[in-house]
C-alpha cells in the first residue's frame, strides 16, 4: 500500500517541478524530499521524474500517476473530514425507541424534531417497541435512547440512566354515547367495575398496562377484557366502534376519533410519568447531544 505522505510529496513536486520550492511548500528540507521520492519510485518500480541540473520533468509514468494520486489524496481528505464530523456528532446516526403512545405526547416528536434541526447530518432511526423491548434493546446496544412510562423512577441497571420528561394523567376513553360520558366531574375507577375493556395484550410488556391493572385491583375488581390491541390508535378506534372502554394516558386524546369521549379520573394514582432512558458512562457525541437537549 502506498504511503499517503509520499504521494503528497510526489503531487507537490509534480505541481512545482522544483525540489526547493516543493520542499518549502511542504515545510521540510530538500534532502528528505528527495529521499521520499526515491523510495516511492522504488516501491512503484517506476521512474517518476527526469532530473537535470536545470529542470525537473515528469516521466510518462509520473504523468499517469499524477491525476490518480490527486484523486486518492482528495478522497483521503474527505474520509478524514467525515470521520471528524462523526466524532464531533455532526454526522452518524441515533437510534431511538419508543412505545406507540409516546408519539402522541407531542413532547417527544418535538424533541426529535429539535434534534434533527440542530444536527441535520445525523440520521435518526426510530423503532416502535414495548417498554420491555426497549430496555432489552438498550442493554444489547441495539438502540441508543428509549422512552418509557412509569409511575416511579424505572428500576434499571447502573449502565442506564433516566431523565423525567413530564407527567401524564390516565383518563378513561368512552364511546361518546356511553352514560358515563355525560357524567359531571372526574370518575372514580370503581365506577368502571362492570364495564368491558379494550386493553393492551397481557404479554405486551407495556408498562401502562401494569398500572391499569393495579388501579383496577385497588378499586376492588379485575377488568373484563373483551378486546386486545397493540397500538394506541387501534385502542381508541375500537372504543369509538363501541367495543368497550379503555384507560389510557391523556395524550391519547390527540387521536382524532369521532365517537370517543375522554373523562378524567378521580384516583390519585391515575397518572404516570414519561422517562427518557439513556446509557451512562462513555457515549457517542450523538447520544450526548440528544441527552443534553432533553434535559434543557
C-alpha atoms as a PDB file:
ATOM      1  CA  UNK A   1       0.000   0.000   0.000  1.00  0.00           C
ATOM      2  CA  UNK A   2       1.354   3.406  -0.968  1.00  0.00           C
ATOM      3  CA  UNK A   3       2.166   5.875   1.775  1.00  0.00           C
ATOM      4  CA  UNK A   4      -0.175   8.893   1.503  1.00  0.00           C
ATOM      5  CA  UNK A   5       2.583  11.163   2.766  1.00  0.00           C
ATOM      6  CA  UNK A   6       4.867  10.128  -0.097  1.00  0.00           C
ATOM      7  CA  UNK A   7       2.009  10.587  -2.545  1.00  0.00           C
ATOM      8  CA  UNK A   8       1.530  14.116  -1.247  1.00  0.00           C
ATOM      9  CA  UNK A   9       5.252  14.807  -1.676  1.00  0.00           C
ATOM     10  CA  UNK A  10       5.001  13.493  -5.228  1.00  0.00           C
ATOM     11  CA  UNK A  11       1.959  15.670  -6.065  1.00  0.00           C
ATOM     12  CA  UNK A  12       3.536  18.852  -4.687  1.00  0.00           C
ATOM     13  CA  UNK A  13       6.770  18.190  -6.581  1.00  0.00           C
ATOM     14  CA  UNK A  14       4.806  17.371  -9.741  1.00  0.00           C
ATOM     15  CA  UNK A  15       2.916  20.655  -9.426  1.00  0.00           C
ATOM     16  CA  UNK A  16       6.011  22.781  -8.772  1.00  0.00           C
ATOM     17  CA  UNK A  17       8.621  20.789 -10.751  1.00  0.00           C
ATOM     18  CA  UNK A  18      11.193  22.270  -8.391  1.00  0.00           C
ATOM     19  CA  UNK A  19      12.674  20.423  -5.402  1.00  0.00           C
ATOM     20  CA  UNK A  20      13.494  23.545  -3.416  1.00  0.00           C
ATOM     21  CA  UNK A  21      10.061  25.144  -3.873  1.00  0.00           C
ATOM     22  CA  UNK A  22       8.326  21.837  -3.212  1.00  0.00           C
ATOM     23  CA  UNK A  23      10.303  21.324  -0.006  1.00  0.00           C
ATOM     24  CA  UNK A  24       9.444  24.847   1.130  1.00  0.00           C
ATOM     25  CA  UNK A  25       5.744  24.272   0.400  1.00  0.00           C
ATOM     26  CA  UNK A  26       5.847  21.002   2.336  1.00  0.00           C
ATOM     27  CA  UNK A  27       7.790  22.642   5.169  1.00  0.00           C
ATOM     28  CA  UNK A  28      10.568  20.047   5.031  1.00  0.00           C
ATOM     29  CA  UNK A  29      14.206  20.062   3.962  1.00  0.00           C
ATOM     30  CA  UNK A  30      15.123  19.179   0.394  1.00  0.00           C
ATOM     31  CA  UNK A  31      17.158  16.003   1.169  1.00  0.00           C
ATOM     32  CA  UNK A  32      14.255  14.208   2.931  1.00  0.00           C
ATOM     33  CA  UNK A  33      12.006  15.132  -0.003  1.00  0.00           C
ATOM     34  CA  UNK A  34      14.474  13.680  -2.496  1.00  0.00           C
ATOM     35  CA  UNK A  35      14.763  10.538  -0.364  1.00  0.00           C
ATOM     36  CA  UNK A  36      10.989  10.022  -0.109  1.00  0.00           C
ATOM     37  CA  UNK A  37      10.537  10.455  -3.870  1.00  0.00           C
ATOM     38  CA  UNK A  38      13.280   7.876  -4.435  1.00  0.00           C
ATOM     39  CA  UNK A  39      11.571   5.443  -2.031  1.00  0.00           C
ATOM     40  CA  UNK A  40       8.252   5.955  -3.858  1.00  0.00           C
ATOM     41  CA  UNK A  41       9.873   5.244  -7.204  1.00  0.00           C
ATOM     42  CA  UNK A  42      11.406   2.059  -5.789  1.00  0.00           C
ATOM     43  CA  UNK A  43       8.026   0.970  -4.396  1.00  0.00           C
ATOM     44  CA  UNK A  44       6.356   1.521  -7.750  1.00  0.00           C
ATOM     45  CA  UNK A  45       9.309   0.196  -9.777  1.00  0.00           C
ATOM     46  CA  UNK A  46       8.861   3.260 -11.984  1.00  0.00           C
ATOM     47  CA  UNK A  47      10.836   6.432 -12.560  1.00  0.00           C
ATOM     48  CA  UNK A  48       8.534   9.388 -11.921  1.00  0.00           C
ATOM     49  CA  UNK A  49      10.816  12.366 -12.626  1.00  0.00           C
ATOM     50  CA  UNK A  50      13.593  13.217 -15.037  1.00  0.00           C
ATOM     51  CA  UNK A  51      16.160  15.266 -13.150  1.00  0.00           C
ATOM     52  CA  UNK A  52      18.807  17.516 -14.683  1.00  0.00           C
ATOM     53  CA  UNK A  53      20.846  20.358 -13.266  1.00  0.00           C
ATOM     54  CA  UNK A  54      18.418  22.868 -14.780  1.00  0.00           C
ATOM     55  CA  UNK A  55      14.995  21.281 -14.627  1.00  0.00           C
ATOM     56  CA  UNK A  56      12.711  18.577 -13.246  1.00  0.00           C
ATOM     57  CA  UNK A  57      10.172  16.943 -15.542  1.00  0.00           C
ATOM     58  CA  UNK A  58       7.539  14.255 -15.125  1.00  0.00           C
ATOM     59  CA  UNK A  59       8.148  10.993 -16.895  1.00  0.00           C
ATOM     60  CA  UNK A  60       5.244   9.261 -18.678  1.00  0.00           C
ATOM     61  CA  UNK A  61       4.793   7.143 -15.549  1.00  0.00           C
ATOM     62  CA  UNK A  62       4.729  10.302 -13.413  1.00  0.00           C
ATOM     63  CA  UNK A  63       2.170  11.952 -15.693  1.00  0.00           C
ATOM     64  CA  UNK A  64      -0.049   8.862 -15.461  1.00  0.00           C
ATOM     65  CA  UNK A  65       0.275   8.736 -11.670  1.00  0.00           C
ATOM     66  CA  UNK A  66      -0.452  12.427 -11.007  1.00  0.00           C
ATOM     67  CA  UNK A  67      -4.254  12.513 -11.519  1.00  0.00           C
ATOM     68  CA  UNK A  68      -4.666   9.215  -9.672  1.00  0.00           C
ATOM     69  CA  UNK A  69      -2.579  10.480  -6.761  1.00  0.00           C
ATOM     70  CA  UNK A  70      -4.515  13.758  -6.627  1.00  0.00           C
ATOM     71  CA  UNK A  71      -7.822  11.870  -6.564  1.00  0.00           C
ATOM     72  CA  UNK A  72      -6.590   9.498  -3.865  1.00  0.00           C
ATOM     73  CA  UNK A  73      -5.399  12.355  -1.654  1.00  0.00           C
ATOM     74  CA  UNK A  74      -8.697  14.205  -2.131  1.00  0.00           C
ATOM     75  CA  UNK A  75     -10.620  11.067  -1.158  1.00  0.00           C
ATOM     76  CA  UNK A  76      -8.423  10.617   1.906  1.00  0.00           C
ATOM     77  CA  UNK A  77      -9.133  14.216   2.947  1.00  0.00           C
ATOM     78  CA  UNK A  78     -12.877  13.668   2.512  1.00  0.00           C
ATOM     79  CA  UNK A  79     -12.731  10.461   4.535  1.00  0.00           C
ATOM     80  CA  UNK A  80     -10.802  12.220   7.280  1.00  0.00           C
ATOM     81  CA  UNK A  81     -13.311  15.088   7.332  1.00  0.00           C
ATOM     82  CA  UNK A  82     -16.253  12.684   7.531  1.00  0.00           C
ATOM     83  CA  UNK A  83     -14.652  10.758  10.391  1.00  0.00           C
ATOM     84  CA  UNK A  84     -14.030  14.009  12.253  1.00  0.00           C
ATOM     85  CA  UNK A  85     -17.646  15.118  11.770  1.00  0.00           C
ATOM     86  CA  UNK A  86     -18.938  11.782  13.037  1.00  0.00           C
ATOM     87  CA  UNK A  87     -16.629  12.059  16.045  1.00  0.00           C
ATOM     88  CA  UNK A  88     -17.992  15.559  16.758  1.00  0.00           C
ATOM     89  CA  UNK A  89     -21.558  14.288  16.446  1.00  0.00           C
ATOM     90  CA  UNK A  90     -22.370  16.251  13.287  1.00  0.00           C
ATOM     91  CA  UNK A  91     -22.821  13.062  11.229  1.00  0.00           C
ATOM     92  CA  UNK A  92     -23.764   9.485  12.019  1.00  0.00           C
ATOM     93  CA  UNK A  93     -26.972   8.054  13.413  1.00  0.00           C
ATOM     94  CA  UNK A  94     -29.072   7.997  16.565  1.00  0.00           C
ATOM     95  CA  UNK A  95     -31.343   5.008  17.212  1.00  0.00           C
ATOM     96  CA  UNK A  96     -34.459   5.921  19.179  1.00  0.00           C
ATOM     97  CA  UNK A  97     -37.069   3.578  20.582  1.00  0.00           C
ATOM     98  CA  UNK A  98     -40.488   4.434  21.934  1.00  0.00           C
ATOM     99  CA  UNK A  99     -43.913   2.942  22.529  1.00  0.00           C
ATOM    100  CA  UNK A 100     -46.819   3.547  20.172  1.00  0.00           C
ATOM    101  CA  UNK A 101     -48.392   6.027  22.563  1.00  0.00           C
ATOM    102  CA  UNK A 102     -45.226   8.073  23.047  1.00  0.00           C
ATOM    103  CA  UNK A 103     -45.604   9.655  19.611  1.00  0.00           C
ATOM    104  CA  UNK A 104     -48.921  11.126  20.738  1.00  0.00           C
ATOM    105  CA  UNK A 105     -47.463  13.136  23.599  1.00  0.00           C
ATOM    106  CA  UNK A 106     -46.193  15.999  21.457  1.00  0.00           C
ATOM    107  CA  UNK A 107     -43.137  16.396  23.679  1.00  0.00           C
ATOM    108  CA  UNK A 108     -41.174  13.511  22.175  1.00  0.00           C
ATOM    109  CA  UNK A 109     -41.845  14.362  18.499  1.00  0.00           C
ATOM    110  CA  UNK A 110     -40.854  17.991  19.232  1.00  0.00           C
ATOM    111  CA  UNK A 111     -37.657  16.776  20.914  1.00  0.00           C
ATOM    112  CA  UNK A 112     -36.732  14.632  17.910  1.00  0.00           C
ATOM    113  CA  UNK A 113     -37.532  17.494  15.523  1.00  0.00           C
ATOM    114  CA  UNK A 114     -35.386  19.927  17.535  1.00  0.00           C
ATOM    115  CA  UNK A 115     -32.513  17.445  17.477  1.00  0.00           C
ATOM    116  CA  UNK A 116     -32.780  16.946  13.722  1.00  0.00           C
ATOM    117  CA  UNK A 117     -32.768  20.717  13.216  1.00  0.00           C
ATOM    118  CA  UNK A 118     -29.623  21.095  15.329  1.00  0.00           C
ATOM    119  CA  UNK A 119     -27.892  18.037  13.893  1.00  0.00           C
ATOM    120  CA  UNK A 120     -29.201  17.702  10.317  1.00  0.00           C
ATOM    121  CA  UNK A 121     -26.357  15.385   9.373  1.00  0.00           C
ATOM    122  CA  UNK A 122     -27.353  12.778  11.961  1.00  0.00           C
ATOM    123  CA  UNK A 123     -29.869  10.207  10.769  1.00  0.00           C
ATOM    124  CA  UNK A 124     -32.477   9.475  13.448  1.00  0.00           C
ATOM    125  CA  UNK A 125     -33.689   5.879  13.218  1.00  0.00           C
ATOM    126  CA  UNK A 126     -36.930   5.188  15.085  1.00  0.00           C
ATOM    127  CA  UNK A 127     -38.104   1.803  16.341  1.00  0.00           C
ATOM    128  CA  UNK A 128     -41.584   1.275  17.807  1.00  0.00           C
ATOM    129  CA  UNK A 129     -41.159  -1.146  20.735  1.00  0.00           C
ATOM    130  CA  UNK A 130     -42.845  -2.020  24.011  1.00  0.00           C
ATOM    131  CA  UNK A 131     -41.277  -0.857  27.264  1.00  0.00           C
ATOM    132  CA  UNK A 132     -39.585  -4.190  27.950  1.00  0.00           C
ATOM    133  CA  UNK A 133     -38.417  -4.491  24.359  1.00  0.00           C
ATOM    134  CA  UNK A 134     -36.861  -1.028  24.576  1.00  0.00           C
ATOM    135  CA  UNK A 135     -34.984  -1.800  27.780  1.00  0.00           C
ATOM    136  CA  UNK A 136     -33.699  -5.075  26.328  1.00  0.00           C
ATOM    137  CA  UNK A 137     -32.613  -3.225  23.174  1.00  0.00           C
ATOM    138  CA  UNK A 138     -30.803  -0.616  25.283  1.00  0.00           C
ATOM    139  CA  UNK A 139     -28.872  -3.277  27.182  1.00  0.00           C
ATOM    140  CA  UNK A 140     -27.994  -5.040  23.928  1.00  0.00           C
ATOM    141  CA  UNK A 141     -26.963  -1.687  22.373  1.00  0.00           C
ATOM    142  CA  UNK A 142     -29.468  -2.041  19.525  1.00  0.00           C
ATOM    143  CA  UNK A 143     -30.914   1.400  20.306  1.00  0.00           C
ATOM    144  CA  UNK A 144     -29.307   4.471  21.884  1.00  0.00           C
ATOM    145  CA  UNK A 145     -32.290   6.158  23.575  1.00  0.00           C
ATOM    146  CA  UNK A 146     -35.606   4.845  24.888  1.00  0.00           C
ATOM    147  CA  UNK A 147     -38.853   6.462  26.064  1.00  0.00           C
ATOM    148  CA  UNK A 148     -40.841   4.553  28.681  1.00  0.00           C
ATOM    149  CA  UNK A 149     -43.754   5.201  31.021  1.00  0.00           C
ATOM    150  CA  UNK A 150     -43.532   4.533  34.733  1.00  0.00           C
ATOM    151  CA  UNK A 151     -45.216   5.841  37.879  1.00  0.00           C
ATOM    152  CA  UNK A 152     -41.874   5.885  39.710  1.00  0.00           C
ATOM    153  CA  UNK A 153     -38.301   6.143  38.513  1.00  0.00           C
ATOM    154  CA  UNK A 154     -37.700   2.977  36.476  1.00  0.00           C
ATOM    155  CA  UNK A 155     -35.616   0.337  38.247  1.00  0.00           C
ATOM    156  CA  UNK A 156     -32.688  -0.007  35.873  1.00  0.00           C
ATOM    157  CA  UNK A 157     -29.146  -1.394  35.982  1.00  0.00           C
ATOM    158  CA  UNK A 158     -26.343   1.134  36.623  1.00  0.00           C
ATOM    159  CA  UNK A 159     -25.447   1.163  32.920  1.00  0.00           C
ATOM    160  CA  UNK A 160     -28.713   3.003  32.199  1.00  0.00           C
ATOM    161  CA  UNK A 161     -29.892   6.395  33.452  1.00  0.00           C
ATOM    162  CA  UNK A 162     -33.147   8.335  33.182  1.00  0.00           C
ATOM    163  CA  UNK A 163     -34.474  11.847  32.613  1.00  0.00           C
ATOM    164  CA  UNK A 164     -38.044  12.586  33.736  1.00  0.00           C
ATOM    165  CA  UNK A 165     -39.701  14.420  30.859  1.00  0.00           C
ATOM    166  CA  UNK A 166     -43.261  15.065  32.040  1.00  0.00           C
ATOM    167  CA  UNK A 167     -46.219  13.641  33.946  1.00  0.00           C
ATOM    168  CA  UNK A 168     -49.302  12.438  32.123  1.00  0.00           C
ATOM    169  CA  UNK A 169     -52.675  11.621  33.699  1.00  0.00           C
ATOM    170  CA  UNK A 170     -54.634   8.490  32.914  1.00  0.00           C
ATOM    171  CA  UNK A 171     -58.139   9.099  31.598  1.00  0.00           C
ATOM    172  CA  UNK A 172     -60.975   6.845  30.568  1.00  0.00           C
ATOM    173  CA  UNK A 173     -61.877   6.732  26.885  1.00  0.00           C
ATOM    174  CA  UNK A 174     -65.593   6.064  26.403  1.00  0.00           C
ATOM    175  CA  UNK A 175     -67.915   5.736  23.425  1.00  0.00           C
ATOM    176  CA  UNK A 176     -69.485   9.205  23.171  1.00  0.00           C
ATOM    177  CA  UNK A 177     -72.978   7.771  23.763  1.00  0.00           C
ATOM    178  CA  UNK A 178     -71.933   5.907  26.899  1.00  0.00           C
ATOM    179  CA  UNK A 179     -73.873   7.057  30.021  1.00  0.00           C
ATOM    180  CA  UNK A 180     -70.626   7.884  31.873  1.00  0.00           C
ATOM    181  CA  UNK A 181     -69.544  10.166  29.029  1.00  0.00           C
ATOM    182  CA  UNK A 182     -72.056  12.766  30.170  1.00  0.00           C
ATOM    183  CA  UNK A 183     -71.462  12.455  33.920  1.00  0.00           C
ATOM    184  CA  UNK A 184     -70.130  15.537  35.697  1.00  0.00           C
ATOM    185  CA  UNK A 185     -66.746  15.665  37.396  1.00  0.00           C
ATOM    186  CA  UNK A 186     -63.896  13.152  37.445  1.00  0.00           C
ATOM    187  CA  UNK A 187     -64.858   9.499  37.619  1.00  0.00           C
ATOM    188  CA  UNK A 188     -63.595   7.011  40.204  1.00  0.00           C
ATOM    189  CA  UNK A 189     -62.001   3.909  38.720  1.00  0.00           C
ATOM    190  CA  UNK A 190     -64.502   1.865  40.763  1.00  0.00           C
ATOM    191  CA  UNK A 191     -67.301   3.237  38.539  1.00  0.00           C
ATOM    192  CA  UNK A 192     -65.832   1.144  35.703  1.00  0.00           C
ATOM    193  CA  UNK A 193     -66.076  -2.209  37.509  1.00  0.00           C
ATOM    194  CA  UNK A 194     -68.885  -3.546  35.319  1.00  0.00           C
ATOM    195  CA  UNK A 195     -67.551  -2.225  32.014  1.00  0.00           C
ATOM    196  CA  UNK A 196     -65.968  -4.139  29.163  1.00  0.00           C
ATOM    197  CA  UNK A 197     -62.384  -3.080  28.483  1.00  0.00           C
ATOM    198  CA  UNK A 198     -60.210  -2.691  25.416  1.00  0.00           C
ATOM    199  CA  UNK A 199     -56.592  -3.108  26.552  1.00  0.00           C
ATOM    200  CA  UNK A 200     -53.051  -3.869  25.547  1.00  0.00           C
ATOM    201  CA  UNK A 201     -52.289  -7.619  25.488  1.00  0.00           C
ATOM    202  CA  UNK A 202     -51.190  -9.059  28.831  1.00  0.00           C
ATOM    203  CA  UNK A 203     -47.857 -10.155  27.375  1.00  0.00           C
ATOM    204  CA  UNK A 204     -47.183  -6.892  25.535  1.00  0.00           C
ATOM    205  CA  UNK A 205     -44.634  -5.658  28.067  1.00  0.00           C
ATOM    206  CA  UNK A 206     -46.300  -2.219  28.083  1.00  0.00           C
ATOM    207  CA  UNK A 207     -45.783  -0.516  31.450  1.00  0.00           C
ATOM    208  CA  UNK A 208     -49.071   1.411  31.360  1.00  0.00           C
ATOM    209  CA  UNK A 209     -50.908  -1.944  31.319  1.00  0.00           C
ATOM    210  CA  UNK A 210     -49.377  -2.847  34.682  1.00  0.00           C
ATOM    211  CA  UNK A 211     -50.563   0.476  36.088  1.00  0.00           C
ATOM    212  CA  UNK A 212     -54.100  -0.004  34.763  1.00  0.00           C
ATOM    213  CA  UNK A 213     -54.365  -3.468  36.280  1.00  0.00           C
ATOM    214  CA  UNK A 214     -53.075  -2.114  39.597  1.00  0.00           C
ATOM    215  CA  UNK A 215     -55.633   0.732  39.621  1.00  0.00           C
ATOM    216  CA  UNK A 216     -58.473  -1.684  38.950  1.00  0.00           C
ATOM    217  CA  UNK A 217     -57.254  -4.092  41.624  1.00  0.00           C
ATOM    218  CA  UNK A 218     -57.052  -1.280  44.201  1.00  0.00           C
ATOM    219  CA  UNK A 219     -60.633  -0.375  43.279  1.00  0.00           C
ATOM    220  CA  UNK A 220     -61.769  -3.920  44.017  1.00  0.00           C
ATOM    221  CA  UNK A 221     -62.131  -5.502  40.588  1.00  0.00           C
ATOM    222  CA  UNK A 222     -60.293  -7.082  37.695  1.00  0.00           C
ATOM    223  CA  UNK A 223     -61.082  -5.541  34.298  1.00  0.00           C
ATOM    224  CA  UNK A 224     -63.182  -7.677  31.972  1.00  0.00           C
ATOM    225  CA  UNK A 225     -61.187  -7.516  28.740  1.00  0.00           C
ATOM    226  CA  UNK A 226     -63.204  -8.122  25.579  1.00  0.00           C
ATOM    227  CA  UNK A 227     -60.646  -6.957  23.046  1.00  0.00           C
ATOM    228  CA  UNK A 228     -56.870  -6.511  22.945  1.00  0.00           C
ATOM    229  CA  UNK A 229     -54.899  -4.188  20.677  1.00  0.00           C
ATOM    230  CA  UNK A 230     -51.215  -3.372  20.335  1.00  0.00           C
ATOM    231  CA  UNK A 231     -51.329   0.325  19.431  1.00  0.00           C
ATOM    232  CA  UNK A 232     -52.855   3.454  20.892  1.00  0.00           C
ATOM    233  CA  UNK A 233     -54.629   4.339  17.654  1.00  0.00           C
ATOM    234  CA  UNK A 234     -56.254   0.908  17.448  1.00  0.00           C
ATOM    235  CA  UNK A 235     -57.413   1.025  21.067  1.00  0.00           C
ATOM    236  CA  UNK A 236     -59.068   4.415  20.596  1.00  0.00           C
ATOM    237  CA  UNK A 237     -60.603   3.257  17.319  1.00  0.00           C
ATOM    238  CA  UNK A 238     -62.118   0.196  18.985  1.00  0.00           C
ATOM    239  CA  UNK A 239     -63.586   2.385  21.723  1.00  0.00           C
ATOM    240  CA  UNK A 240     -65.103   4.608  19.046  1.00  0.00           C
ATOM    241  CA  UNK A 241     -66.627   1.500  17.469  1.00  0.00           C
ATOM    242  CA  UNK A 242     -68.360   0.721  20.765  1.00  0.00           C
ATOM    243  CA  UNK A 243     -66.430  -2.436  21.658  1.00  0.00           C
ATOM    244  CA  UNK A 244     -65.638  -1.214  25.150  1.00  0.00           C
ATOM    245  CA  UNK A 245     -63.900   1.440  27.230  1.00  0.00           C
ATOM    246  CA  UNK A 246     -60.190   1.961  27.845  1.00  0.00           C
ATOM    247  CA  UNK A 247     -57.935   3.520  30.431  1.00  0.00           C
ATOM    248  CA  UNK A 248     -55.322   5.456  28.502  1.00  0.00           C
ATOM    249  CA  UNK A 249     -52.799   8.266  29.023  1.00  0.00           C
ATOM    250  CA  UNK A 250     -54.352  11.698  28.466  1.00  0.00           C
ATOM    251  CA  UNK A 251     -52.069  12.189  25.453  1.00  0.00           C
ATOM    252  CA  UNK A 252     -54.120   9.552  23.620  1.00  0.00           C
ATOM    253  CA  UNK A 253     -56.713  12.310  23.283  1.00  0.00           C
ATOM    254  CA  UNK A 254     -54.615  13.561  20.360  1.00  0.00           C
ATOM    255  CA  UNK A 255     -56.057  10.694  18.326  1.00  0.00           C
ATOM    256  CA  UNK A 256     -58.843  12.394  16.381  1.00  0.00           C
ATOM    257  CA  UNK A 257     -61.526   9.697  16.591  1.00  0.00           C
ATOM    258  CA  UNK A 258     -65.162  10.615  16.143  1.00  0.00           C
ATOM    259  CA  UNK A 259     -67.361   9.000  18.768  1.00  0.00           C
ATOM    260  CA  UNK A 260     -64.898   8.993  21.675  1.00  0.00           C
ATOM    261  CA  UNK A 261     -65.211  10.998  24.887  1.00  0.00           C
ATOM    262  CA  UNK A 262     -62.405  11.313  27.417  1.00  0.00           C
ATOM    263  CA  UNK A 263     -63.125  11.689  31.146  1.00  0.00           C
ATOM    264  CA  UNK A 264     -60.691  12.440  33.930  1.00  0.00           C
ATOM    265  CA  UNK A 265     -60.228  10.010  36.798  1.00  0.00           C
ATOM    266  CA  UNK A 266     -60.518  10.893  40.470  1.00  0.00           C
ATOM    267  CA  UNK A 267     -57.994   8.396  41.802  1.00  0.00           C
ATOM    268  CA  UNK A 268     -54.641   9.871  42.852  1.00  0.00           C
ATOM    269  CA  UNK A 269     -52.729   7.016  41.297  1.00  0.00           C
ATOM    270  CA  UNK A 270     -54.203   7.660  37.867  1.00  0.00           C
ATOM    271  CA  UNK A 271     -51.105   9.276  36.461  1.00  0.00           C
ATOM    272  CA  UNK A 272     -47.686   8.275  35.218  1.00  0.00           C
ATOM    273  CA  UNK A 273     -44.516   9.926  34.004  1.00  0.00           C
ATOM    274  CA  UNK A 274     -42.654   9.630  30.733  1.00  0.00           C
ATOM    275  CA  UNK A 275     -38.946   8.913  31.125  1.00  0.00           C
ATOM    276  CA  UNK A 276     -36.087   9.063  28.685  1.00  0.00           C
ATOM    277  CA  UNK A 277     -33.623   6.211  29.200  1.00  0.00           C
ATOM    278  CA  UNK A 278     -30.003   6.696  28.163  1.00  0.00           C
ATOM    279  CA  UNK A 279     -26.711   4.888  28.587  1.00  0.00           C
ATOM    280  CA  UNK A 280     -24.347   6.062  31.303  1.00  0.00           C
ATOM    281  CA  UNK A 281     -20.565   6.128  31.022  1.00  0.00           C
ATOM    282  CA  UNK A 282     -18.800   6.837  27.749  1.00  0.00           C
ATOM    283  CA  UNK A 283     -21.315   7.519  24.960  1.00  0.00           C
ATOM    284  CA  UNK A 284     -21.191   8.977  21.469  1.00  0.00           C
ATOM    285  CA  UNK A 285     -21.478  12.693  20.803  1.00  0.00           C
ATOM    286  CA  UNK A 286     -24.790  11.978  19.039  1.00  0.00           C
ATOM    287  CA  UNK A 287     -26.229  10.428  22.211  1.00  0.00           C
ATOM    288  CA  UNK A 288     -24.778  13.109  24.471  1.00  0.00           C
ATOM    289  CA  UNK A 289     -26.263  15.936  22.373  1.00  0.00           C
ATOM    290  CA  UNK A 290     -29.723  14.312  22.480  1.00  0.00           C
ATOM    291  CA  UNK A 291     -29.499  13.841  26.234  1.00  0.00           C
ATOM    292  CA  UNK A 292     -28.466  17.458  26.776  1.00  0.00           C
ATOM    293  CA  UNK A 293     -31.357  18.650  24.612  1.00  0.00           C
ATOM    294  CA  UNK A 294     -33.835  16.522  26.581  1.00  0.00           C
ATOM    295  CA  UNK A 295     -32.512  17.843  29.872  1.00  0.00           C
ATOM    296  CA  UNK A 296     -32.941  21.524  28.974  1.00  0.00           C
END
